[in-house]
Amino acid sequence: MRILVADDSNVIRQIVRGSAKVLGHETLEAATGQEAVRLLRAHHTSIVLAVLDWKMPRGGGLEILREMRSDERLSKIPVLMLVTRRDSEEVAKAMAEGATDCLAKPFSQQDLATRMHECLLNAA
């Protein structure tokens, strides 16, 4: 199964890729919101989690999340939103739109893997 990671930072995508591998999953990677939505639609049957950056070119995480929650094929995929601060309005907005969890940057690889694992367990 696959985890979609949508972030415009190569470093963040690499960190998510490492955590996904530890959890036994491959990744699909997007650097823009537009690309993320395209990958979600093309591979929705194999994606078990989406890790979305709040702010990206051509559609940030919130826009992707809204698209996912309005599409029956994508609506059940859990979402871990990467935000700038844990106590920010971003968290409240993401959770209100249907994010499964939020993780504030910067984060450790261990924190990321733990949150990803929890999202996967909660979706099962």
PDB file of N, CA and C in Angstrom:
ATOM      1  N   MET A   1       0.839  -1.172   0.000  1.00  0.00           N
ATOM      2  CA  MET A   1       0.000   0.000   0.000  1.00  0.00           C
ATOM      3  C   MET A   1       0.891   1.244   0.000  1.00  0.00           C
ATOM      4  N   ARG A   2       0.277   2.382  -0.325  1.00  0.00           N
ATOM      5  CA  ARG A   2       1.063   3.604  -0.518  1.00  0.00           C
ATOM      6  C   ARG A   2       0.598   4.739   0.389  1.00  0.00           C
ATOM      7  N   ILE A   3       1.556   5.601   0.688  1.00  0.00           N
ATOM      8  CA  ILE A   3       1.281   6.836   1.407  1.00  0.00           C
ATOM      9  C   ILE A   3       1.608   7.976   0.462  1.00  0.00           C
ATOM     10  N   LEU A   4       0.650   8.868   0.271  1.00  0.00           N
ATOM     11  CA  LEU A   4       0.887  10.050  -0.546  1.00  0.00           C
ATOM     12  C   LEU A   4       1.499  11.115   0.346  1.00  0.00           C
ATOM     13  N   VAL A   5       2.607  11.685  -0.091  1.00  0.00           N
ATOM     14  CA  VAL A   5       3.196  12.826   0.607  1.00  0.00           C
ATOM     15  C   VAL A   5       3.198  14.004  -0.355  1.00  0.00           C
ATOM     16  N   ALA A   6       2.558  15.086   0.078  1.00  0.00           N
ATOM     17  CA  ALA A   6       2.487  16.297  -0.731  1.00  0.00           C
ATOM     18  C   ALA A   6       3.149  17.422   0.048  1.00  0.00           C
ATOM     19  N   ASP A   7       4.339  17.789  -0.390  1.00  0.00           N
ATOM     20  CA  ASP A   7       5.097  18.869   0.247  1.00  0.00           C
ATOM     21  C   ASP A   7       6.060  19.422  -0.781  1.00  0.00           C
ATOM     22  N   ASP A   8       6.216  20.739  -0.804  1.00  0.00           N
ATOM     23  CA  ASP A   8       7.128  21.339  -1.776  1.00  0.00           C
ATOM     24  C   ASP A   8       8.590  21.253  -1.348  1.00  0.00           C
ATOM     25  N   SER A   9       8.855  20.721  -0.162  1.00  0.00           N
ATOM     26  CA  SER A   9      10.222  20.551   0.320  1.00  0.00           C
ATOM     27  C   SER A   9      10.723  19.132   0.045  1.00  0.00           C
ATOM     28  N   ASN A  10      11.832  19.032  -0.680  1.00  0.00           N
ATOM     29  CA  ASN A  10      12.443  17.719  -0.933  1.00  0.00           C
ATOM     30  C   ASN A  10      12.836  17.039   0.375  1.00  0.00           C
ATOM     31  N   VAL A  11      13.310  17.823   1.341  1.00  0.00           N
ATOM     32  CA  VAL A  11      13.752  17.267   2.623  1.00  0.00           C
ATOM     33  C   VAL A  11      12.573  16.631   3.365  1.00  0.00           C
ATOM     34  N   ILE A  12      11.454  17.337   3.407  1.00  0.00           N
ATOM     35  CA  ILE A  12      10.274  16.780   4.087  1.00  0.00           C
ATOM     36  C   ILE A  12       9.788  15.526   3.378  1.00  0.00           C
ATOM     37  N   ARG A  13       9.759  15.546   2.055  1.00  0.00           N
ATOM     38  CA  ARG A  13       9.334  14.339   1.324  1.00  0.00           C
ATOM     39  C   ARG A  13      10.270  13.171   1.633  1.00  0.00           C
ATOM     40  N   GLN A  14      11.549  13.435   1.753  1.00  0.00           N
ATOM     41  CA  GLN A  14      12.519  12.382   2.076  1.00  0.00           C
ATOM     42  C   GLN A  14      12.268  11.833   3.487  1.00  0.00           C
ATOM     43  N   ILE A  15      11.983  12.710   4.441  1.00  0.00           N
ATOM     44  CA  ILE A  15      11.707  12.270   5.814  1.00  0.00           C
ATOM     45  C   ILE A  15      10.441  11.412   5.850  1.00  0.00           C
ATOM     46  N   VAL A  16       9.394  11.849   5.157  1.00  0.00           N
ATOM     47  CA  VAL A  16       8.153  11.072   5.117  1.00  0.00           C
ATOM     48  C   VAL A  16       8.398   9.727   4.434  1.00  0.00           C
ATOM     49  N   ARG A  17       9.171   9.736   3.364  1.00  0.00           N
ATOM     50  CA  ARG A  17       9.504   8.486   2.668  1.00  0.00           C
ATOM     51  C   ARG A  17      10.170   7.497   3.623  1.00  0.00           C
ATOM     52  N   GLY A  18      11.099   7.989   4.446  1.00  0.00           N
ATOM     53  CA  GLY A  18      11.779   7.125   5.420  1.00  0.00           C
ATOM     54  C   GLY A  18      10.822   6.552   6.447  1.00  0.00           C
ATOM     55  N   SER A  19       9.917   7.377   6.949  1.00  0.00           N
ATOM     56  CA  SER A  19       8.929   6.900   7.929  1.00  0.00           C
ATOM     57  C   SER A  19       7.973   5.904   7.297  1.00  0.00           C
ATOM     58  N   ALA A  20       7.563   6.162   6.070  1.00  0.00           N
ATOM     59  CA  ALA A  20       6.672   5.233   5.367  1.00  0.00           C
ATOM     60  C   ALA A  20       7.342   3.873   5.197  1.00  0.00           C
ATOM     61  N   LYS A  21       8.618   3.909   4.852  1.00  0.00           N
ATOM     62  CA  LYS A  21       9.360   2.656   4.659  1.00  0.00           C
ATOM     63  C   LYS A  21       9.416   1.855   5.955  1.00  0.00           C
ATOM     64  N   VAL A  22       9.654   2.545   7.075  1.00  0.00           N
ATOM     65  CA  VAL A  22       9.680   1.886   8.380  1.00  0.00           C
ATOM     66  C   VAL A  22       8.335   1.216   8.672  1.00  0.00           C
ATOM     67  N   LEU A  23       7.251   1.857   8.227  1.00  0.00           N
ATOM     68  CA  LEU A  23       5.909   1.320   8.446  1.00  0.00           C
ATOM     69  C   LEU A  23       5.501   0.289   7.394  1.00  0.00           C
ATOM     70  N   GLY A  24       6.393   0.020   6.431  1.00  0.00           N
ATOM     71  CA  GLY A  24       6.124  -0.998   5.419  1.00  0.00           C
ATOM     72  C   GLY A  24       5.343  -0.512   4.209  1.00  0.00           C
ATOM     73  N   HIS A  25       5.419   0.786   3.927  1.00  0.00           N
ATOM     74  CA  HIS A  25       4.672   1.355   2.806  1.00  0.00           C
ATOM     75  C   HIS A  25       5.590   2.060   1.822  1.00  0.00           C
ATOM     76  N   GLU A  26       5.145   2.109   0.577  1.00  0.00           N
ATOM     77  CA  GLU A  26       5.795   2.916  -0.454  1.00  0.00           C
ATOM     78  C   GLU A  26       5.186   4.307  -0.412  1.00  0.00           C
ATOM     79  N   THR A  27       5.829   5.254  -1.108  1.00  0.00           N
ATOM     80  CA  THR A  27       5.245   6.593  -1.183  1.00  0.00           C
ATOM     81  C   THR A  27       4.998   7.000  -2.627  1.00  0.00           C
ATOM     82  N   LEU A  28       3.996   7.842  -2.778  1.00  0.00           N
ATOM     83  CA  LEU A  28       3.780   8.620  -3.986  1.00  0.00           C
ATOM     84  C   LEU A  28       4.054  10.054  -3.551  1.00  0.00           C
ATOM     85  N   GLU A  29       4.780  10.820  -4.372  1.00  0.00           N
ATOM     86  CA  GLU A  29       5.204  12.140  -3.930  1.00  0.00           C
ATOM     87  C   GLU A  29       4.788  13.233  -4.895  1.00  0.00           C
ATOM     88  N   ALA A  30       4.349  14.350  -4.299  1.00  0.00           N
ATOM     89  CA  ALA A  30       3.922  15.511  -5.074  1.00  0.00           C
ATOM     90  C   ALA A  30       4.524  16.764  -4.453  1.00  0.00           C
ATOM     91  N   ALA A  31       4.937  17.694  -5.305  1.00  0.00           N
ATOM     92  CA  ALA A  31       5.499  18.957  -4.839  1.00  0.00           C
ATOM     93  C   ALA A  31       4.500  20.103  -4.922  1.00  0.00           C
ATOM     94  N   THR A  32       3.343  19.842  -5.534  1.00  0.00           N
ATOM     95  CA  THR A  32       2.292  20.861  -5.637  1.00  0.00           C
ATOM     96  C   THR A  32       0.945  20.230  -5.281  1.00  0.00           C
ATOM     97  N   GLY A  33       0.010  21.085  -4.925  1.00  0.00           N
ATOM     98  CA  GLY A  33      -1.328  20.595  -4.631  1.00  0.00           C
ATOM     99  C   GLY A  33      -1.989  19.967  -5.834  1.00  0.00           C
ATOM    100  N   GLN A  34      -1.797  20.568  -6.977  1.00  0.00           N
ATOM    101  CA  GLN A  34      -2.376  20.058  -8.220  1.00  0.00           C
ATOM    102  C   GLN A  34      -1.895  18.634  -8.510  1.00  0.00           C
ATOM    103  N   GLU A  35      -0.595  18.424  -8.349  1.00  0.00           N
ATOM    104  CA  GLU A  35      -0.028  17.096  -8.584  1.00  0.00           C
ATOM    105  C   GLU A  35      -0.561  16.093  -7.559  1.00  0.00           C
ATOM    106  N   ALA A  36      -0.723  16.526  -6.325  1.00  0.00           N
ATOM    107  CA  ALA A  36      -1.241  15.636  -5.281  1.00  0.00           C
ATOM    108  C   ALA A  36      -2.647  15.149  -5.622  1.00  0.00           C
ATOM    109  N   VAL A  37      -3.506  16.060  -6.046  1.00  0.00           N
ATOM    110  CA  VAL A  37      -4.880  15.681  -6.401  1.00  0.00           C
ATOM    111  C   VAL A  37      -4.872  14.711  -7.574  1.00  0.00           C
ATOM    112  N   ARG A  38      -4.018  14.958  -8.555  1.00  0.00           N
ATOM    113  CA  ARG A  38      -3.913  14.060  -9.707  1.00  0.00           C
ATOM    114  C   ARG A  38      -3.506  12.655  -9.251  1.00  0.00           C
ATOM    115  N   LEU A  39      -2.486  12.576  -8.359  1.00  0.00           N
ATOM    116  CA  LEU A  39      -2.034  11.271  -7.867  1.00  0.00           C
ATOM    117  C   LEU A  39      -3.112  10.582  -7.028  1.00  0.00           C
ATOM    118  N   LEU A  40      -3.810  11.338  -6.213  1.00  0.00           N
ATOM    119  CA  LEU A  40      -4.896  10.763  -5.410  1.00  0.00           C
ATOM    120  C   LEU A  40      -5.958  10.130  -6.296  1.00  0.00           C
ATOM    121  N   ARG A  41      -6.350  10.842  -7.324  1.00  0.00           N
ATOM    122  CA  ARG A  41      -7.389  10.317  -8.215  1.00  0.00           C
ATOM    123  C   ARG A  41      -6.903   9.098  -8.992  1.00  0.00           C
ATOM    124  N   ALA A  42      -5.652   9.118  -9.419  1.00  0.00           N
ATOM    125  CA  ALA A  42      -5.112   8.022 -10.228  1.00  0.00           C
ATOM    126  C   ALA A  42      -4.828   6.764  -9.405  1.00  0.00           C
ATOM    127  N   HIS A  43      -4.513   6.932  -8.121  1.00  0.00           N
ATOM    128  CA  HIS A  43      -4.072   5.793  -7.302  1.00  0.00           C
ATOM    129  C   HIS A  43      -4.908   5.609  -6.038  1.00  0.00           C
ATOM    130  N   HIS A  44      -6.131   6.104  -6.026  1.00  0.00           N
ATOM    131  CA  HIS A  44      -6.941   6.101  -4.804  1.00  0.00           C
ATOM    132  C   HIS A  44      -7.133   4.716  -4.191  1.00  0.00           C
ATOM    133  N   THR A  45      -7.107   3.684  -4.986  1.00  0.00           N
ATOM    134  CA  THR A  45      -7.341   2.342  -4.434  1.00  0.00           C
ATOM    135  C   THR A  45      -6.149   1.809  -3.653  1.00  0.00           C
ATOM    136  N   SER A  46      -4.956   2.378  -3.850  1.00  0.00           N
ATOM    137  CA  SER A  46      -3.781   1.876  -3.145  1.00  0.00           C
ATOM    138  C   SER A  46      -3.240   2.840  -2.085  1.00  0.00           C
ATOM    139  N   ILE A  47      -3.848   4.019  -1.948  1.00  0.00           N
ATOM    140  CA  ILE A  47      -3.367   5.003  -0.977  1.00  0.00           C
ATOM    141  C   ILE A  47      -4.071   4.786   0.364  1.00  0.00           C
ATOM    142  N   VAL A  48      -3.264   4.580   1.418  1.00  0.00           N
ATOM    143  CA  VAL A  48      -3.814   4.320   2.747  1.00  0.00           C
ATOM    144  C   VAL A  48      -3.704   5.531   3.676  1.00  0.00           C
ATOM    145  N   LEU A  49      -2.930   6.548   3.266  1.00  0.00           N
ATOM    146  CA  LEU A  49      -2.744   7.743   4.079  1.00  0.00           C
ATOM    147  C   LEU A  49      -2.221   8.856   3.182  1.00  0.00           C
ATOM    148  N   ALA A  50      -2.666  10.081   3.463  1.00  0.00           N
ATOM    149  CA  ALA A  50      -2.127  11.255   2.780  1.00  0.00           C
ATOM    150  C   ALA A  50      -1.481  12.161   3.820  1.00  0.00           C
ATOM    151  N   VAL A  51      -0.227  12.531   3.581  1.00  0.00           N
ATOM    152  CA  VAL A  51       0.497  13.471   4.430  1.00  0.00           C
ATOM    153  C   VAL A  51       0.605  14.756   3.618  1.00  0.00           C
ATOM    154  N   LEU A  52      -0.085  15.809   4.077  1.00  0.00           N
ATOM    155  CA  LEU A  52      -0.227  17.028   3.292  1.00  0.00           C
ATOM    156  C   LEU A  52       0.391  18.226   3.994  1.00  0.00           C
ATOM    157  N   ASP A  53       1.186  18.991   3.272  1.00  0.00           N
ATOM    158  CA  ASP A  53       1.733  20.232   3.787  1.00  0.00           C
ATOM    159  C   ASP A  53       0.672  21.320   3.688  1.00  0.00           C
ATOM    160  N   TRP A  54       0.550  22.122   4.730  1.00  0.00           N
ATOM    161  CA  TRP A  54      -0.448  23.192   4.766  1.00  0.00           C
ATOM    162  C   TRP A  54      -0.291  24.158   3.607  1.00  0.00           C
ATOM    163  N   LYS A  55       0.963  24.555   3.323  1.00  0.00           N
ATOM    164  CA  LYS A  55       1.195  25.592   2.317  1.00  0.00           C
ATOM    165  C   LYS A  55       2.124  25.066   1.222  1.00  0.00           C
ATOM    166  N   MET A  56       1.580  25.016   0.002  1.00  0.00           N
ATOM    167  CA  MET A  56       2.333  24.567  -1.170  1.00  0.00           C
ATOM    168  C   MET A  56       1.895  25.368  -2.379  1.00  0.00           C
ATOM    169  N   PRO A  57       2.712  25.356  -3.422  1.00  0.00           N
ATOM    170  CA  PRO A  57       2.282  26.001  -4.673  1.00  0.00           C
ATOM    171  C   PRO A  57       1.108  25.250  -5.296  1.00  0.00           C
ATOM    172  N   ARG A  58       0.272  25.964  -6.000  1.00  0.00           N
ATOM    173  CA  ARG A  58      -0.859  25.407  -6.752  1.00  0.00           C
ATOM    174  C   ARG A  58      -1.740  24.484  -5.908  1.00  0.00           C
ATOM    175  N   GLY A  59      -2.150  25.011  -4.762  1.00  0.00           N
ATOM    176  CA  GLY A  59      -3.073  24.266  -3.909  1.00  0.00           C
ATOM    177  C   GLY A  59      -2.410  23.692  -2.684  1.00  0.00           C
ATOM    178  N   GLY A  60      -2.671  24.279  -1.541  1.00  0.00           N
ATOM    179  CA  GLY A  60      -2.100  23.789  -0.291  1.00  0.00           C
ATOM    180  C   GLY A  60      -2.890  22.635   0.289  1.00  0.00           C
ATOM    181  N   GLY A  61      -2.450  22.187   1.445  1.00  0.00           N
ATOM    182  CA  GLY A  61      -3.048  21.032   2.088  1.00  0.00           C
ATOM    183  C   GLY A  61      -4.527  21.170   2.370  1.00  0.00           C
ATOM    184  N   LEU A  62      -4.964  22.362   2.770  1.00  0.00           N
ATOM    185  CA  LEU A  62      -6.384  22.553   3.062  1.00  0.00           C
ATOM    186  C   LEU A  62      -7.233  22.381   1.808  1.00  0.00           C
ATOM    187  N   GLU A  63      -6.761  22.903   0.689  1.00  0.00           N
ATOM    188  CA  GLU A  63      -7.496  22.748  -0.567  1.00  0.00           C
ATOM    189  C   GLU A  63      -7.551  21.277  -0.998  1.00  0.00           C
ATOM    190  N   ILE A  64      -6.431  20.585  -0.825  1.00  0.00           N
ATOM    191  CA  ILE A  64      -6.396  19.152  -1.161  1.00  0.00           C
ATOM    192  C   ILE A  64      -7.362  18.387  -0.259  1.00  0.00           C
ATOM    193  N   LEU A  65      -7.334  18.693   1.030  1.00  0.00           N
ATOM    194  CA  LEU A  65      -8.214  18.029   1.990  1.00  0.00           C
ATOM    195  C   LEU A  65      -9.682  18.245   1.629  1.00  0.00           C
ATOM    196  N   ARG A  66     -10.030  19.461   1.280  1.00  0.00           N
ATOM    197  CA  ARG A  66     -11.420  19.743   0.877  1.00  0.00           C
ATOM    198  C   ARG A  66     -11.807  18.932  -0.356  1.00  0.00           C
ATOM    199  N   GLU A  67     -10.884  18.858  -1.303  1.00  0.00           N
ATOM    200  CA  GLU A  67     -11.124  18.063  -2.517  1.00  0.00           C
ATOM    201  C   GLU A  67     -11.333  16.594  -2.154  1.00  0.00           C
ATOM    202  N   MET A  68     -10.511  16.087  -1.246  1.00  0.00           N
ATOM    203  CA  MET A  68     -10.614  14.692  -0.835  1.00  0.00           C
ATOM    204  C   MET A  68     -11.945  14.410  -0.146  1.00  0.00           C
ATOM    205  N   ARG A  69     -12.342  15.274   0.753  1.00  0.00           N
ATOM    206  CA  ARG A  69     -13.562  15.032   1.525  1.00  0.00           C
ATOM    207  C   ARG A  69     -14.824  15.182   0.677  1.00  0.00           C
ATOM    208  N   SER A  70     -14.716  15.860  -0.461  1.00  0.00           N
ATOM    209  CA  SER A  70     -15.880  16.012  -1.336  1.00  0.00           C
ATOM    210  C   SER A  70     -15.950  14.941  -2.426  1.00  0.00           C
ATOM    211  N   ASP A  71     -14.947  14.086  -2.519  1.00  0.00           N
ATOM    212  CA  ASP A  71     -14.897  13.032  -3.530  1.00  0.00           C
ATOM    213  C   ASP A  71     -15.086  11.680  -2.831  1.00  0.00           C
ATOM    214  N   GLU A  72     -16.147  10.987  -3.153  1.00  0.00           N
ATOM    215  CA  GLU A  72     -16.470   9.719  -2.493  1.00  0.00           C
ATOM    216  C   GLU A  72     -15.308   8.724  -2.521  1.00  0.00           C
ATOM    217  N   ARG A  73     -14.558   8.704  -3.619  1.00  0.00           N
ATOM    218  CA  ARG A  73     -13.440   7.755  -3.743  1.00  0.00           C
ATOM    219  C   ARG A  73     -12.285   8.095  -2.804  1.00  0.00           C
ATOM    220  N   LEU A  74     -12.171   9.355  -2.402  1.00  0.00           N
ATOM    221  CA  LEU A  74     -11.035   9.815  -1.592  1.00  0.00           C
ATOM    222  C   LEU A  74     -11.419  10.149  -0.159  1.00  0.00           C
ATOM    223  N   SER A  75     -12.698  10.188   0.123  1.00  0.00           N
ATOM    224  CA  SER A  75     -13.175  10.746   1.397  1.00  0.00           C
ATOM    225  C   SER A  75     -12.768   9.956   2.632  1.00  0.00           C
ATOM    226  N   LYS A  76     -12.499   8.684   2.491  1.00  0.00           N
ATOM    227  CA  LYS A  76     -12.156   7.853   3.652  1.00  0.00           C
ATOM    228  C   LYS A  76     -10.652   7.757   3.897  1.00  0.00           C
ATOM    229  N   ILE A  77      -9.828   8.314   3.022  1.00  0.00           N
ATOM    230  CA  ILE A  77      -8.374   8.260   3.200  1.00  0.00           C
ATOM    231  C   ILE A  77      -7.995   9.171   4.364  1.00  0.00           C
ATOM    232  N   PRO A  78      -7.312   8.643   5.386  1.00  0.00           N
ATOM    233  CA  PRO A  78      -6.902   9.489   6.496  1.00  0.00           C
ATOM    234  C   PRO A  78      -5.863  10.516   6.041  1.00  0.00           C
ATOM    235  N   VAL A  79      -5.866  11.674   6.717  1.00  0.00           N
ATOM    236  CA  VAL A  79      -4.968  12.768   6.359  1.00  0.00           C
ATOM    237  C   VAL A  79      -4.213  13.242   7.584  1.00  0.00           C
ATOM    238  N   LEU A  80      -2.883  13.277   7.467  1.00  0.00           N
ATOM    239  CA  LEU A  80      -2.018  13.908   8.458  1.00  0.00           C
ATOM    240  C   LEU A  80      -1.561  15.227   7.857  1.00  0.00           C
ATOM    241  N   MET A  81      -1.997  16.337   8.454  1.00  0.00           N
ATOM    242  CA  MET A  81      -1.667  17.667   7.947  1.00  0.00           C
ATOM    243  C   MET A  81      -0.413  18.185   8.646  1.00  0.00           C
ATOM    244  N   LEU A  82       0.539  18.645   7.846  1.00  0.00           N
ATOM    245  CA  LEU A  82       1.761  19.256   8.382  1.00  0.00           C
ATOM    246  C   LEU A  82       1.536  20.760   8.458  1.00  0.00           C
ATOM    247  N   VAL A  83       1.599  21.302   9.670  1.00  0.00           N
ATOM    248  CA  VAL A  83       1.300  22.718   9.908  1.00  0.00           C
ATOM    249  C   VAL A  83       2.530  23.441  10.444  1.00  0.00           C
ATOM    250  N   THR A  84       2.439  24.778  10.510  1.00  0.00           N
ATOM    251  CA  THR A  84       3.605  25.549  10.953  1.00  0.00           C
ATOM    252  C   THR A  84       3.743  25.617  12.467  1.00  0.00           C
ATOM    253  N   ARG A  85       2.613  25.647  13.187  1.00  0.00           N
ATOM    254  CA  ARG A  85       2.664  25.669  14.653  1.00  0.00           C
ATOM    255  C   ARG A  85       1.510  24.852  15.207  1.00  0.00           C
ATOM    256  N   ARG A  86       1.757  24.099  16.235  1.00  0.00           N
ATOM    257  CA  ARG A  86       0.738  23.210  16.812  1.00  0.00           C
ATOM    258  C   ARG A  86      -0.475  23.988  17.346  1.00  0.00           C
ATOM    259  N   ASP A  87      -0.257  25.189  17.852  1.00  0.00           N
ATOM    260  CA  ASP A  87      -1.355  25.938  18.470  1.00  0.00           C
ATOM    261  C   ASP A  87      -1.986  26.948  17.507  1.00  0.00           C
ATOM    262  N   SER A  88      -1.768  26.767  16.246  1.00  0.00           N
ATOM    263  CA  SER A  88      -2.209  27.744  15.264  1.00  0.00           C
ATOM    264  C   SER A  88      -3.639  27.520  14.808  1.00  0.00           C
ATOM    265  N   GLU A  89      -4.163  28.517  14.096  1.00  0.00           N
ATOM    266  CA  GLU A  89      -5.475  28.390  13.471  1.00  0.00           C
ATOM    267  C   GLU A  89      -5.463  27.283  12.421  1.00  0.00           C
ATOM    268  N   GLU A  90      -4.294  27.001  11.867  1.00  0.00           N
ATOM    269  CA  GLU A  90      -4.176  25.958  10.849  1.00  0.00           C
ATOM    270  C   GLU A  90      -4.700  24.629  11.379  1.00  0.00           C
ATOM    271  N   VAL A  91      -4.361  24.304  12.622  1.00  0.00           N
ATOM    272  CA  VAL A  91      -4.802  23.040  13.215  1.00  0.00           C
ATOM    273  C   VAL A  91      -6.321  23.002  13.297  1.00  0.00           C
ATOM    274  N   ALA A  92      -6.913  24.073  13.816  1.00  0.00           N
ATOM    275  CA  ALA A  92      -8.372  24.119  13.958  1.00  0.00           C
ATOM    276  C   ALA A  92      -9.058  23.999  12.604  1.00  0.00           C
ATOM    277  N   LYS A  93      -8.552  24.704  11.614  1.00  0.00           N
ATOM    278  CA  LYS A  93      -9.155  24.646  10.280  1.00  0.00           C
ATOM    279  C   LYS A  93      -9.009  23.256   9.676  1.00  0.00           C
ATOM    280  N   ALA A  94      -7.819  22.675   9.803  1.00  0.00           N
ATOM    281  CA  ALA A  94      -7.583  21.341   9.230  1.00  0.00           C
ATOM    282  C   ALA A  94      -8.492  20.294   9.879  1.00  0.00           C
ATOM    283  N   MET A  95      -8.609  20.345  11.192  1.00  0.00           N
ATOM    284  CA  MET A  95      -9.452  19.377  11.886  1.00  0.00           C
ATOM    285  C   MET A  95     -10.929  19.590  11.531  1.00  0.00           C
ATOM    286  N   ALA A  96     -11.338  20.837  11.401  1.00  0.00           N
ATOM    287  CA  ALA A  96     -12.725  21.129  11.033  1.00  0.00           C
ATOM    288  C   ALA A  96     -13.055  20.632   9.628  1.00  0.00           C
ATOM    289  N   GLU A  97     -12.062  20.608   8.746  1.00  0.00           N
ATOM    290  CA  GLU A  97     -12.270  20.153   7.364  1.00  0.00           C
ATOM    291  C   GLU A  97     -12.138  18.634   7.222  1.00  0.00           C
ATOM    292  N   GLY A  98     -11.759  17.951   8.310  1.00  0.00           N
ATOM    293  CA  GLY A  98     -11.718  16.489   8.262  1.00  0.00           C
ATOM    294  C   GLY A  98     -10.349  15.846   8.315  1.00  0.00           C
ATOM    295  N   ALA A  99      -9.316  16.601   8.699  1.00  0.00           N
ATOM    296  CA  ALA A  99      -7.996  15.980   8.871  1.00  0.00           C
ATOM    297  C   ALA A  99      -8.070  14.971  10.016  1.00  0.00           C
ATOM    298  N   THR A 100      -7.312  13.920   9.910  1.00  0.00           N
ATOM    299  CA  THR A 100      -7.261  12.909  10.963  1.00  0.00           C
ATOM    300  C   THR A 100      -6.403  13.395  12.116  1.00  0.00           C
ATOM    301  N   ASP A 101      -5.288  14.076  11.796  1.00  0.00           N
ATOM    302  CA  ASP A 101      -4.370  14.597  12.804  1.00  0.00           C
ATOM    303  C   ASP A 101      -3.527  15.692  12.161  1.00  0.00           C
ATOM    304  N   CYS A 102      -2.832  16.445  13.008  1.00  0.00           N
ATOM    305  CA  CYS A 102      -1.917  17.490  12.546  1.00  0.00           C
ATOM    306  C   CYS A 102      -0.584  17.323  13.254  1.00  0.00           C
ATOM    307  N   LEU A 103       0.473  17.680  12.558  1.00  0.00           N
ATOM    308  CA  LEU A 103       1.814  17.618  13.121  1.00  0.00           C
ATOM    309  C   LEU A 103       2.529  18.910  12.757  1.00  0.00           C
ATOM    310  N   ALA A 104       3.068  19.588  13.775  1.00  0.00           N
ATOM    311  CA  ALA A 104       3.729  20.871  13.547  1.00  0.00           C
ATOM    312  C   ALA A 104       5.186  20.676  13.140  1.00  0.00           C
ATOM    313  N   LYS A 105       5.607  21.490  12.176  1.00  0.00           N
ATOM    314  CA  LYS A 105       7.007  21.527  11.770  1.00  0.00           C
ATOM    315  C   LYS A 105       7.749  22.457  12.726  1.00  0.00           C
ATOM    316  N   PRO A 106       8.985  22.213  13.052  1.00  0.00           N
ATOM    317  CA  PRO A 106       9.766  21.022  12.693  1.00  0.00           C
ATOM    318  C   PRO A 106       9.377  19.837  13.584  1.00  0.00           C
ATOM    319  N   PHE A 107       9.595  18.641  13.065  1.00  0.00           N
ATOM    320  CA  PHE A 107       9.267  17.427  13.804  1.00  0.00           C
ATOM    321  C   PHE A 107      10.386  16.421  13.612  1.00  0.00           C
ATOM    322  N   SER A 108      10.432  15.440  14.504  1.00  0.00           N
ATOM    323  CA  SER A 108      11.432  14.377  14.378  1.00  0.00           C
ATOM    324  C   SER A 108      10.873  13.252  13.518  1.00  0.00           C
ATOM    325  N   GLN A 109      11.759  12.461  12.977  1.00  0.00           N
ATOM    326  CA  GLN A 109      11.336  11.306  12.181  1.00  0.00           C
ATOM    327  C   GLN A 109      10.499  10.361  13.041  1.00  0.00           C
ATOM    328  N   GLN A 110      10.871  10.219  14.304  1.00  0.00           N
ATOM    329  CA  GLN A 110      10.121   9.338  15.213  1.00  0.00           C
ATOM    330  C   GLN A 110       8.710   9.865  15.457  1.00  0.00           C
ATOM    331  N   ASP A 111       8.586  11.180  15.698  1.00  0.00           N
ATOM    332  CA  ASP A 111       7.254  11.759  15.893  1.00  0.00           C
ATOM    333  C   ASP A 111       6.388  11.555  14.644  1.00  0.00           C
ATOM    334  N   LEU A 112       6.982  11.769  13.492  1.00  0.00           N
ATOM    335  CA  LEU A 112       6.249  11.586  12.242  1.00  0.00           C
ATOM    336  C   LEU A 112       5.780  10.145  12.089  1.00  0.00           C
ATOM    337  N   ALA A 113       6.687   9.191  12.291  1.00  0.00           N
ATOM    338  CA  ALA A 113       6.327   7.775  12.148  1.00  0.00           C
ATOM    339  C   ALA A 113       5.226   7.387  13.127  1.00  0.00           C
ATOM    340  N   THR A 114       5.300   7.904  14.356  1.00  0.00           N
ATOM    341  CA  THR A 114       4.274   7.602  15.356  1.00  0.00           C
ATOM    342  C   THR A 114       2.920   8.145  14.922  1.00  0.00           C
ATOM    343  N   ARG A 115       2.874   9.389  14.467  1.00  0.00           N
ATOM    344  CA  ARG A 115       1.613   9.996  14.038  1.00  0.00           C
ATOM    345  C   ARG A 115       1.050   9.290  12.810  1.00  0.00           C
ATOM    346  N   MET A 116       1.923   8.937  11.875  1.00  0.00           N
ATOM    347  CA  MET A 116       1.465   8.215  10.691  1.00  0.00           C
ATOM    348  C   MET A 116       0.857   6.875  11.097  1.00  0.00           C
ATOM    349  N   HIS A 117       1.537   6.165  11.981  1.00  0.00           N
ATOM    350  CA  HIS A 117       1.046   4.869  12.454  1.00  0.00           C
ATOM    351  C   HIS A 117      -0.312   5.022  13.135  1.00  0.00           C
ATOM    352  N   GLU A 118      -0.470   6.056  13.976  1.00  0.00           N
ATOM    353  CA  GLU A 118      -1.739   6.295  14.657  1.00  0.00           C
ATOM    354  C   GLU A 118      -2.857   6.594  13.658  1.00  0.00           C
ATOM    355  N   CYS A 119      -2.542   7.380  12.634  1.00  0.00           N
ATOM    356  CA  CYS A 119      -3.553   7.674  11.607  1.00  0.00           C
ATOM    357  C   CYS A 119      -3.997   6.398  10.901  1.00  0.00           C
ATOM    358  N   LEU A 120      -3.040   5.534  10.595  1.00  0.00           N
ATOM    359  CA  LEU A 120      -3.362   4.276   9.934  1.00  0.00           C
ATOM    360  C   LEU A 120      -4.195   3.372  10.823  1.00  0.00           C
ATOM    361  N   LEU A 121      -3.861   3.314  12.114  1.00  0.00           N
ATOM    362  CA  LEU A 121      -4.633   2.495  13.061  1.00  0.00           C
ATOM    363  C   LEU A 121      -6.059   3.011  13.216  1.00  0.00           C
ATOM    364  N   ASN A 122      -6.204   4.327  13.305  1.00  0.00           N
ATOM    365  CA  ASN A 122      -7.533   4.918  13.479  1.00  0.00           C
ATOM    366  C   ASN A 122      -8.412   4.710  12.242  1.00  0.00           C
ATOM    367  N   ALA A 123      -7.785   4.545  11.094  1.00  0.00           N
ATOM    368  CA  ALA A 123      -8.550   4.357   9.863  1.00  0.00           C
ATOM    369  C   ALA A 123      -8.982   2.912   9.665  1.00  0.00           C
ATOM    370  N   ALA A 124      -8.310   2.011  10.345  1.00  0.00           N
ATOM    371  CA  ALA A 124      -8.586   0.575  10.169  1.00  0.00           C
ATOM    372  C   ALA A 124      -9.903   0.148  10.758  1.00  0.00           C
TER     373      ALA A 124
END
